Amino acid sequence: MAERCPSCNLALTRKESGYSLGGFWLNMLFAEGVTIALFIGTLVATWPNPPWTLLQYGLPILALLTPLLFFPFSKTLFLALDLAVRPANQDDRS
């Protein structure tokens, strides 16, 4: 990921202790949420004969792949959430 936005020169990572944990937290929250939602949705949609083999093997694979695929987006989304709470100052733009 680039260090600064090419158009506005905004720092894409704030220099604070533990800042990168926010993107990681958001990534894990999304991955676990998707996995749980698909598990419950599949159970509800296919009850009384859910595809247990698909759930047993497919959902753990999904749970491992989702964080890898969503990580760049989660880091950017966390920056957007952080900027909504704490707007950028002059240090973030220089």
PDB file of N, CA and C in Angstrom:
ATOM      1  N   MET A   1       0.845  -1.173   0.000  1.00  0.00           N
ATOM      2  CA  MET A   1       0.000   0.000   0.000  1.00  0.00           C
ATOM      3  C   MET A   1       0.893   1.240   0.000  1.00  0.00           C
ATOM      4  N   ALA A   2       0.483   2.227  -0.722  1.00  0.00           N
ATOM      5  CA  ALA A   2       1.269   3.455  -0.804  1.00  0.00           C
ATOM      6  C   ALA A   2       1.301   4.158   0.543  1.00  0.00           C
ATOM      7  N   GLU A   3       2.353   4.911   0.766  1.00  0.00           N
ATOM      8  CA  GLU A   3       2.466   5.644   2.026  1.00  0.00           C
ATOM      9  C   GLU A   3       1.588   6.885   2.056  1.00  0.00           C
ATOM     10  N   ARG A   4       1.399   7.495   0.889  1.00  0.00           N
ATOM     11  CA  ARG A   4       0.589   8.717   0.798  1.00  0.00           C
ATOM     12  C   ARG A   4      -0.335   8.631  -0.404  1.00  0.00           C
ATOM     13  N   CYS A   5      -1.436   9.342  -0.315  1.00  0.00           N
ATOM     14  CA  CYS A   5      -2.381   9.433  -1.434  1.00  0.00           C
ATOM     15  C   CYS A   5      -1.710  10.219  -2.557  1.00  0.00           C
ATOM     16  N   PRO A   6      -1.722   9.696  -3.788  1.00  0.00           N
ATOM     17  CA  PRO A   6      -1.054  10.406  -4.877  1.00  0.00           C
ATOM     18  C   PRO A   6      -1.731  11.717  -5.267  1.00  0.00           C
ATOM     19  N   SER A   7      -3.007  11.880  -4.988  1.00  0.00           N
ATOM     20  CA  SER A   7      -3.678  13.109  -5.413  1.00  0.00           C
ATOM     21  C   SER A   7      -3.702  14.191  -4.337  1.00  0.00           C
ATOM     22  N   CYS A   8      -3.873  13.822  -3.064  1.00  0.00           N
ATOM     23  CA  CYS A   8      -3.982  14.859  -2.026  1.00  0.00           C
ATOM     24  C   CYS A   8      -2.843  14.820  -1.006  1.00  0.00           C
ATOM     25  N   ASN A   9      -1.927  13.856  -1.122  1.00  0.00           N
ATOM     26  CA  ASN A   9      -0.764  13.730  -0.258  1.00  0.00           C
ATOM     27  C   ASN A   9      -1.115  13.408   1.203  1.00  0.00           C
ATOM     28  N   LEU A  10      -2.280  12.833   1.436  1.00  0.00           N
ATOM     29  CA  LEU A  10      -2.691  12.433   2.782  1.00  0.00           C
ATOM     30  C   LEU A  10      -1.927  11.181   3.186  1.00  0.00           C
ATOM     31  N   ALA A  11      -1.379  11.183   4.396  1.00  0.00           N
ATOM     32  CA  ALA A  11      -0.700   9.997   4.910  1.00  0.00           C
ATOM     33  C   ALA A  11      -1.727   8.897   5.127  1.00  0.00           C
ATOM     34  N   LEU A  12      -1.481   7.721   4.554  1.00  0.00           N
ATOM     35  CA  LEU A  12      -2.434   6.626   4.646  1.00  0.00           C
ATOM     36  C   LEU A  12      -2.258   5.791   5.906  1.00  0.00           C
ATOM     37  N   THR A  13      -1.234   6.069   6.669  1.00  0.00           N
ATOM     38  CA  THR A  13      -1.020   5.420   7.957  1.00  0.00           C
ATOM     39  C   THR A  13      -0.686   6.489   8.971  1.00  0.00           C
ATOM     40  N   ARG A  14      -1.458   6.560  10.019  1.00  0.00           N
ATOM     41  CA  ARG A  14      -1.169   7.539  11.062  1.00  0.00           C
ATOM     42  C   ARG A  14      -0.097   6.979  11.974  1.00  0.00           C
ATOM     43  N   LYS A  15       0.816   7.819  12.364  1.00  0.00           N
ATOM     44  CA  LYS A  15       1.974   7.392  13.154  1.00  0.00           C
ATOM     45  C   LYS A  15       1.631   7.347  14.641  1.00  0.00           C
ATOM     46  N   GLU A  16       0.829   6.372  15.016  1.00  0.00           N
ATOM     47  CA  GLU A  16       0.457   6.211  16.412  1.00  0.00           C
ATOM     48  C   GLU A  16       0.681   4.772  16.820  1.00  0.00           C
ATOM     49  N   SER A  17       0.938   4.571  18.076  1.00  0.00           N
ATOM     50  CA  SER A  17       1.152   3.231  18.591  1.00  0.00           C
ATOM     51  C   SER A  17      -0.125   2.398  18.455  1.00  0.00           C
ATOM     52  N   GLY A  18      -0.028   1.249  17.831  1.00  0.00           N
ATOM     53  CA  GLY A  18      -1.158   0.353  17.693  1.00  0.00           C
ATOM     54  C   GLY A  18      -2.143   0.710  16.610  1.00  0.00           C
ATOM     55  N   TYR A  19      -1.820   1.652  15.733  1.00  0.00           N
ATOM     56  CA  TYR A  19      -2.762   2.086  14.706  1.00  0.00           C
ATOM     57  C   TYR A  19      -3.086   0.958  13.725  1.00  0.00           C
ATOM     58  N   SER A  20      -2.115   0.139  13.404  1.00  0.00           N
ATOM     59  CA  SER A  20      -2.358  -0.936  12.437  1.00  0.00           C
ATOM     60  C   SER A  20      -3.293  -2.005  12.993  1.00  0.00           C
ATOM     61  N   LEU A  21      -3.466  -2.061  14.298  1.00  0.00           N
ATOM     62  CA  LEU A  21      -4.384  -3.035  14.880  1.00  0.00           C
ATOM     63  C   LEU A  21      -5.832  -2.753  14.510  1.00  0.00           C
ATOM     64  N   GLY A  22      -6.164  -1.509  14.206  1.00  0.00           N
ATOM     65  CA  GLY A  22      -7.528  -1.165  13.817  1.00  0.00           C
ATOM     66  C   GLY A  22      -7.933  -1.848  12.526  1.00  0.00           C
ATOM     67  N   GLY A  23      -7.059  -1.827  11.533  1.00  0.00           N
ATOM     68  CA  GLY A  23      -7.331  -2.514  10.273  1.00  0.00           C
ATOM     69  C   GLY A  23      -7.429  -4.017  10.469  1.00  0.00           C
ATOM     70  N   PHE A  24      -6.556  -4.553  11.317  1.00  0.00           N
ATOM     71  CA  PHE A  24      -6.595  -5.987  11.615  1.00  0.00           C
ATOM     72  C   PHE A  24      -7.904  -6.352  12.304  1.00  0.00           C
ATOM     73  N   TRP A  25      -8.328  -5.532  13.271  1.00  0.00           N
ATOM     74  CA  TRP A  25      -9.570  -5.783  13.993  1.00  0.00           C
ATOM     75  C   TRP A  25     -10.767  -5.753  13.043  1.00  0.00           C
ATOM     76  N   LEU A  26     -10.813  -4.768  12.180  1.00  0.00           N
ATOM     77  CA  LEU A  26     -11.904  -4.646  11.225  1.00  0.00           C
ATOM     78  C   LEU A  26     -11.906  -5.826  10.251  1.00  0.00           C
ATOM     79  N   ASN A  27     -10.744  -6.269   9.851  1.00  0.00           N
ATOM     80  CA  ASN A  27     -10.604  -7.406   8.954  1.00  0.00           C
ATOM     81  C   ASN A  27     -11.155  -8.679   9.599  1.00  0.00           C
ATOM     82  N   MET A  28     -10.780  -8.926  10.831  1.00  0.00           N
ATOM     83  CA  MET A  28     -11.252 -10.126  11.516  1.00  0.00           C
ATOM     84  C   MET A  28     -12.751 -10.062  11.789  1.00  0.00           C
ATOM     85  N   LEU A  29     -13.246  -8.893  12.125  1.00  0.00           N
ATOM     86  CA  LEU A  29     -14.670  -8.724  12.366  1.00  0.00           C
ATOM     87  C   LEU A  29     -15.465  -9.041  11.089  1.00  0.00           C
ATOM     88  N   PHE A  30     -15.016  -8.551   9.961  1.00  0.00           N
ATOM     89  CA  PHE A  30     -15.683  -8.819   8.692  1.00  0.00           C
ATOM     90  C   PHE A  30     -15.607 -10.301   8.336  1.00  0.00           C
ATOM     91  N   ALA A  31     -14.430 -10.905   8.462  1.00  0.00           N
ATOM     92  CA  ALA A  31     -14.259 -12.313   8.087  1.00  0.00           C
ATOM     93  C   ALA A  31     -15.119 -13.232   8.949  1.00  0.00           C
ATOM     94  N   GLU A  32     -15.123 -12.993  10.238  1.00  0.00           N
ATOM     95  CA  GLU A  32     -15.943 -13.834  11.120  1.00  0.00           C
ATOM     96  C   GLU A  32     -17.426 -13.572  10.901  1.00  0.00           C
ATOM     97  N   GLY A  33     -17.790 -12.336  10.637  1.00  0.00           N
ATOM     98  CA  GLY A  33     -19.190 -12.013  10.382  1.00  0.00           C
ATOM     99  C   GLY A  33     -19.713 -12.690   9.123  1.00  0.00           C
ATOM    100  N   VAL A  34     -18.909 -12.671   8.058  1.00  0.00           N
ATOM    101  CA  VAL A  34     -19.302 -13.328   6.807  1.00  0.00           C
ATOM    102  C   VAL A  34     -19.442 -14.831   7.020  1.00  0.00           C
ATOM    103  N   THR A  35     -18.506 -15.432   7.722  1.00  0.00           N
ATOM    104  CA  THR A  35     -18.545 -16.869   7.957  1.00  0.00           C
ATOM    105  C   THR A  35     -19.767 -17.260   8.780  1.00  0.00           C
ATOM    106  N   ILE A  36     -20.039 -16.531   9.851  1.00  0.00           N
ATOM    107  CA  ILE A  36     -21.201 -16.837  10.690  1.00  0.00           C
ATOM    108  C   ILE A  36     -22.499 -16.606   9.930  1.00  0.00           C
ATOM    109  N   ALA A  37     -22.579 -15.524   9.163  1.00  0.00           N
ATOM    110  CA  ALA A  37     -23.793 -15.239   8.402  1.00  0.00           C
ATOM    111  C   ALA A  37     -24.058 -16.325   7.357  1.00  0.00           C
ATOM    112  N   LEU A  38     -23.019 -16.777   6.673  1.00  0.00           N
ATOM    113  CA  LEU A  38     -23.206 -17.845   5.687  1.00  0.00           C
ATOM    114  C   LEU A  38     -23.570 -19.167   6.346  1.00  0.00           C
ATOM    115  N   PHE A  39     -23.013 -19.441   7.492  1.00  0.00           N
ATOM    116  CA  PHE A  39     -23.349 -20.670   8.220  1.00  0.00           C
ATOM    117  C   PHE A  39     -24.820 -20.660   8.616  1.00  0.00           C
ATOM    118  N   ILE A  40     -25.261 -19.589   9.248  1.00  0.00           N
ATOM    119  CA  ILE A  40     -26.653 -19.500   9.692  1.00  0.00           C
ATOM    120  C   ILE A  40     -27.595 -19.442   8.484  1.00  0.00           C
ATOM    121  N   GLY A  41     -27.237 -18.673   7.459  1.00  0.00           N
ATOM    122  CA  GLY A  41     -28.062 -18.590   6.260  1.00  0.00           C
ATOM    123  C   GLY A  41     -28.221 -19.938   5.567  1.00  0.00           C
ATOM    124  N   THR A  42     -27.129 -20.699   5.479  1.00  0.00           N
ATOM    125  CA  THR A  42     -27.200 -22.023   4.863  1.00  0.00           C
ATOM    126  C   THR A  42     -28.060 -22.962   5.692  1.00  0.00           C
ATOM    127  N   LEU A  43     -27.925 -22.913   7.002  1.00  0.00           N
ATOM    128  CA  LEU A  43     -28.756 -23.764   7.865  1.00  0.00           C
ATOM    129  C   LEU A  43     -30.237 -23.437   7.704  1.00  0.00           C
ATOM    130  N   VAL A  44     -30.567 -22.166   7.710  1.00  0.00           N
ATOM    131  CA  VAL A  44     -31.968 -21.751   7.597  1.00  0.00           C
ATOM    132  C   VAL A  44     -32.532 -22.110   6.220  1.00  0.00           C
ATOM    133  N   ALA A  45     -31.748 -21.884   5.171  1.00  0.00           N
ATOM    134  CA  ALA A  45     -32.236 -22.109   3.810  1.00  0.00           C
ATOM    135  C   ALA A  45     -32.392 -23.596   3.475  1.00  0.00           C
ATOM    136  N   THR A  46     -31.605 -24.455   4.084  1.00  0.00           N
ATOM    137  CA  THR A  46     -31.614 -25.868   3.704  1.00  0.00           C
ATOM    138  C   THR A  46     -32.174 -26.783   4.791  1.00  0.00           C
ATOM    139  N   TRP A  47     -32.674 -26.218   5.861  1.00  0.00           N
ATOM    140  CA  TRP A  47     -33.192 -27.060   6.954  1.00  0.00           C
ATOM    141  C   TRP A  47     -34.386 -27.847   6.457  1.00  0.00           C
ATOM    142  N   PRO A  48     -34.573 -29.077   6.715  1.00  0.00           N
ATOM    143  CA  PRO A  48     -34.020 -29.968   7.718  1.00  0.00           C
ATOM    144  C   PRO A  48     -32.849 -30.823   7.237  1.00  0.00           C
ATOM    145  N   ASN A  49     -32.373 -30.624   6.010  1.00  0.00           N
ATOM    146  CA  ASN A  49     -31.249 -31.415   5.493  1.00  0.00           C
ATOM    147  C   ASN A  49     -30.108 -30.517   5.049  1.00  0.00           C
ATOM    148  N   PRO A  50     -29.410 -29.875   6.001  1.00  0.00           N
ATOM    149  CA  PRO A  50     -28.307 -28.990   5.596  1.00  0.00           C
ATOM    150  C   PRO A  50     -27.134 -29.784   5.016  1.00  0.00           C
ATOM    151  N   PRO A  51     -26.366 -29.160   4.131  1.00  0.00           N
ATOM    152  CA  PRO A  51     -25.198 -29.832   3.538  1.00  0.00           C
ATOM    153  C   PRO A  51     -24.015 -29.813   4.510  1.00  0.00           C
ATOM    154  N   TRP A  52     -23.989 -30.749   5.414  1.00  0.00           N
ATOM    155  CA  TRP A  52     -22.977 -30.742   6.475  1.00  0.00           C
ATOM    156  C   TRP A  52     -21.559 -30.837   5.930  1.00  0.00           C
ATOM    157  N   THR A  53     -21.372 -31.608   4.865  1.00  0.00           N
ATOM    158  CA  THR A  53     -20.016 -31.729   4.297  1.00  0.00           C
ATOM    159  C   THR A  53     -19.541 -30.381   3.762  1.00  0.00           C
ATOM    160  N   LEU A  54     -20.407 -29.676   3.051  1.00  0.00           N
ATOM    161  CA  LEU A  54     -20.052 -28.343   2.548  1.00  0.00           C
ATOM    162  C   LEU A  54     -19.747 -27.393   3.703  1.00  0.00           C
ATOM    163  N   LEU A  55     -20.578 -27.435   4.730  1.00  0.00           N
ATOM    164  CA  LEU A  55     -20.351 -26.563   5.884  1.00  0.00           C
ATOM    165  C   LEU A  55     -19.067 -26.934   6.617  1.00  0.00           C
ATOM    166  N   GLN A  56     -18.793 -28.218   6.713  1.00  0.00           N
ATOM    167  CA  GLN A  56     -17.621 -28.681   7.452  1.00  0.00           C
ATOM    168  C   GLN A  56     -16.312 -28.316   6.754  1.00  0.00           C
ATOM    169  N   TYR A  57     -16.300 -28.350   5.434  1.00  0.00           N
ATOM    170  CA  TYR A  57     -15.067 -28.068   4.707  1.00  0.00           C
ATOM    171  C   TYR A  57     -15.047 -26.687   4.052  1.00  0.00           C
ATOM    172  N   GLY A  58     -16.185 -26.237   3.569  1.00  0.00           N
ATOM    173  CA  GLY A  58     -16.235 -24.968   2.849  1.00  0.00           C
ATOM    174  C   GLY A  58     -16.082 -23.749   3.739  1.00  0.00           C
ATOM    175  N   LEU A  59     -16.763 -23.754   4.890  1.00  0.00           N
ATOM    176  CA  LEU A  59     -16.697 -22.575   5.760  1.00  0.00           C
ATOM    177  C   LEU A  59     -15.323 -22.353   6.386  1.00  0.00           C
ATOM    178  N   PRO A  60     -14.604 -23.390   6.821  1.00  0.00           N
ATOM    179  CA  PRO A  60     -13.238 -23.120   7.313  1.00  0.00           C
ATOM    180  C   PRO A  60     -12.317 -22.572   6.224  1.00  0.00           C
ATOM    181  N   ILE A  61     -12.478 -23.050   4.996  1.00  0.00           N
ATOM    182  CA  ILE A  61     -11.671 -22.505   3.897  1.00  0.00           C
ATOM    183  C   ILE A  61     -12.032 -21.042   3.667  1.00  0.00           C
ATOM    184  N   LEU A  62     -13.327 -20.745   3.685  1.00  0.00           N
ATOM    185  CA  LEU A  62     -13.778 -19.364   3.540  1.00  0.00           C
ATOM    186  C   LEU A  62     -13.254 -18.492   4.681  1.00  0.00           C
ATOM    187  N   ALA A  63     -13.268 -19.040   5.887  1.00  0.00           N
ATOM    188  CA  ALA A  63     -12.795 -18.283   7.054  1.00  0.00           C
ATOM    189  C   ALA A  63     -11.301 -17.976   6.946  1.00  0.00           C
ATOM    190  N   LEU A  64     -10.556 -18.811   6.252  1.00  0.00           N
ATOM    191  CA  LEU A  64      -9.125 -18.555   6.063  1.00  0.00           C
ATOM    192  C   LEU A  64      -8.850 -17.615   4.889  1.00  0.00           C
ATOM    193  N   LEU A  65      -9.662 -17.680   3.847  1.00  0.00           N
ATOM    194  CA  LEU A  65      -9.422 -16.853   2.657  1.00  0.00           C
ATOM    195  C   LEU A  65      -9.965 -15.430   2.786  1.00  0.00           C
ATOM    196  N   THR A  66     -11.067 -15.262   3.495  1.00  0.00           N
ATOM    197  CA  THR A  66     -11.690 -13.941   3.589  1.00  0.00           C
ATOM    198  C   THR A  66     -10.755 -12.886   4.173  1.00  0.00           C
ATOM    199  N   PRO A  67     -10.037 -13.151   5.266  1.00  0.00           N
ATOM    200  CA  PRO A  67      -9.128 -12.111   5.770  1.00  0.00           C
ATOM    201  C   PRO A  67      -8.019 -11.746   4.779  1.00  0.00           C
ATOM    202  N   LEU A  68      -7.558 -12.703   4.006  1.00  0.00           N
ATOM    203  CA  LEU A  68      -6.506 -12.411   3.024  1.00  0.00           C
ATOM    204  C   LEU A  68      -7.030 -11.527   1.896  1.00  0.00           C
ATOM    205  N   LEU A  69      -8.257 -11.785   1.472  1.00  0.00           N
ATOM    206  CA  LEU A  69      -8.831 -11.014   0.366  1.00  0.00           C
ATOM    207  C   LEU A  69      -9.311  -9.634   0.798  1.00  0.00           C
ATOM    208  N   PHE A  70      -9.752  -9.506   2.054  1.00  0.00           N
ATOM    209  CA  PHE A  70     -10.338  -8.258   2.517  1.00  0.00           C
ATOM    210  C   PHE A  70      -9.327  -7.312   3.162  1.00  0.00           C
ATOM    211  N   PHE A  71      -8.107  -7.755   3.442  1.00  0.00           N
ATOM    212  CA  PHE A  71      -7.172  -6.934   4.208  1.00  0.00           C
ATOM    213  C   PHE A  71      -6.893  -5.565   3.607  1.00  0.00           C
ATOM    214  N   PRO A  72      -6.602  -5.424   2.308  1.00  0.00           N
ATOM    215  CA  PRO A  72      -6.348  -4.070   1.791  1.00  0.00           C
ATOM    216  C   PRO A  72      -7.549  -3.142   1.965  1.00  0.00           C
ATOM    217  N   PHE A  73      -8.737  -3.680   1.815  1.00  0.00           N
ATOM    218  CA  PHE A  73      -9.939  -2.875   1.970  1.00  0.00           C
ATOM    219  C   PHE A  73     -10.176  -2.513   3.430  1.00  0.00           C
ATOM    220  N   SER A  74      -9.876  -3.436   4.342  1.00  0.00           N
ATOM    221  CA  SER A  74     -10.115  -3.159   5.761  1.00  0.00           C
ATOM    222  C   SER A  74      -9.176  -2.071   6.274  1.00  0.00           C
ATOM    223  N   LYS A  75      -7.958  -2.061   5.789  1.00  0.00           N
ATOM    224  CA  LYS A  75      -7.013  -1.028   6.211  1.00  0.00           C
ATOM    225  C   LYS A  75      -7.478   0.353   5.739  1.00  0.00           C
ATOM    226  N   THR A  76      -7.947   0.423   4.496  1.00  0.00           N
ATOM    227  CA  THR A  76      -8.438   1.684   3.955  1.00  0.00           C
ATOM    228  C   THR A  76      -9.744   2.105   4.629  1.00  0.00           C
ATOM    229  N   LEU A  77     -10.627   1.146   4.881  1.00  0.00           N
ATOM    230  CA  LEU A  77     -11.887   1.445   5.553  1.00  0.00           C
ATOM    231  C   LEU A  77     -11.650   1.926   6.976  1.00  0.00           C
ATOM    232  N   PHE A  78     -10.665   1.334   7.664  1.00  0.00           N
ATOM    233  CA  PHE A  78     -10.357   1.802   9.017  1.00  0.00           C
ATOM    234  C   PHE A  78      -9.820   3.234   8.985  1.00  0.00           C
ATOM    235  N   LEU A  79      -9.006   3.565   7.991  1.00  0.00           N
ATOM    236  CA  LEU A  79      -8.520   4.938   7.854  1.00  0.00           C
ATOM    237  C   LEU A  79      -9.694   5.889   7.632  1.00  0.00           C
ATOM    238  N   ALA A  80     -10.657   5.488   6.806  1.00  0.00           N
ATOM    239  CA  ALA A  80     -11.831   6.329   6.561  1.00  0.00           C
ATOM    240  C   ALA A  80     -12.642   6.531   7.844  1.00  0.00           C
ATOM    241  N   LEU A  81     -12.821   5.465   8.624  1.00  0.00           N
ATOM    242  CA  LEU A  81     -13.536   5.592   9.897  1.00  0.00           C
ATOM    243  C   LEU A  81     -12.775   6.489  10.866  1.00  0.00           C
ATOM    244  N   ASP A  82     -11.463   6.338  10.897  1.00  0.00           N
ATOM    245  CA  ASP A  82     -10.643   7.163  11.779  1.00  0.00           C
ATOM    246  C   ASP A  82     -10.685   8.631  11.358  1.00  0.00           C
ATOM    247  N   LEU A  83     -10.665   8.887  10.056  1.00  0.00           N
ATOM    248  CA  LEU A  83     -10.750  10.270   9.577  1.00  0.00           C
ATOM    249  C   LEU A  83     -12.123  10.881   9.850  1.00  0.00           C
ATOM    250  N   ALA A  84     -13.153  10.072   9.900  1.00  0.00           N
ATOM    251  CA  ALA A  84     -14.490  10.583  10.231  1.00  0.00           C
ATOM    252  C   ALA A  84     -14.554  11.023  11.687  1.00  0.00           C
ATOM    253  N   VAL A  85     -13.820  10.317  12.557  1.00  0.00           N
ATOM    254  CA  VAL A  85     -13.817  10.655  13.983  1.00  0.00           C
ATOM    255  C   VAL A  85     -12.792  11.738  14.286  1.00  0.00           C
ATOM    256  N   ARG A  86     -11.607  11.614  13.695  1.00  0.00           N
ATOM    257  CA  ARG A  86     -10.521  12.572  13.910  1.00  0.00           C
ATOM    258  C   ARG A  86     -10.052  13.095  12.562  1.00  0.00           C
ATOM    259  N   PRO A  87     -10.561  14.238  12.116  1.00  0.00           N
ATOM    260  CA  PRO A  87     -10.176  14.757  10.792  1.00  0.00           C
ATOM    261  C   PRO A  87      -8.657  14.961  10.672  1.00  0.00           C
ATOM    262  N   ALA A  88      -8.207  14.930   9.436  1.00  0.00           N
ATOM    263  CA  ALA A  88      -6.773  15.088   9.166  1.00  0.00           C
ATOM    264  C   ALA A  88      -6.295  16.476   9.567  1.00  0.00           C
ATOM    265  N   ASN A  89      -5.105  16.521  10.137  1.00  0.00           N
ATOM    266  CA  ASN A  89      -4.488  17.810  10.475  1.00  0.00           C
ATOM    267  C   ASN A  89      -3.359  18.081   9.485  1.00  0.00           C
ATOM    268  N   GLN A  90      -2.634  19.148   9.704  1.00  0.00           N
ATOM    269  CA  GLN A  90      -1.569  19.545   8.777  1.00  0.00           C
ATOM    270  C   GLN A  90      -0.441  18.521   8.733  1.00  0.00           C
ATOM    271  N   ASP A  91      -0.175  17.830   9.837  1.00  0.00           N
ATOM    272  CA  ASP A  91       0.905  16.821   9.843  1.00  0.00           C
ATOM    273  C   ASP A  91       0.553  15.636   8.925  1.00  0.00           C
ATOM    274  N   ASP A  92      -0.732  15.317   8.817  1.00  0.00           N
ATOM    275  CA  ASP A  92      -1.142  14.213   7.979  1.00  0.00           C
ATOM    276  C   ASP A  92      -1.026  14.527   6.486  1.00  0.00           C
ATOM    277  N   ARG A  93      -0.989  15.785   6.133  1.00  0.00           N
ATOM    278  CA  ARG A  93      -0.948  16.197   4.731  1.00  0.00           C
ATOM    279  C   ARG A  93       0.425  16.620   4.242  1.00  0.00           C
ATOM    280  N   SER A  94       1.379  16.745   5.127  1.00  0.00           N
ATOM    281  CA  SER A  94       2.697  17.225   4.685  1.00  0.00           C
ATOM    282  C   SER A  94       3.679  16.101   4.517  1.00  0.00           C
TER     283      SER A  94
END
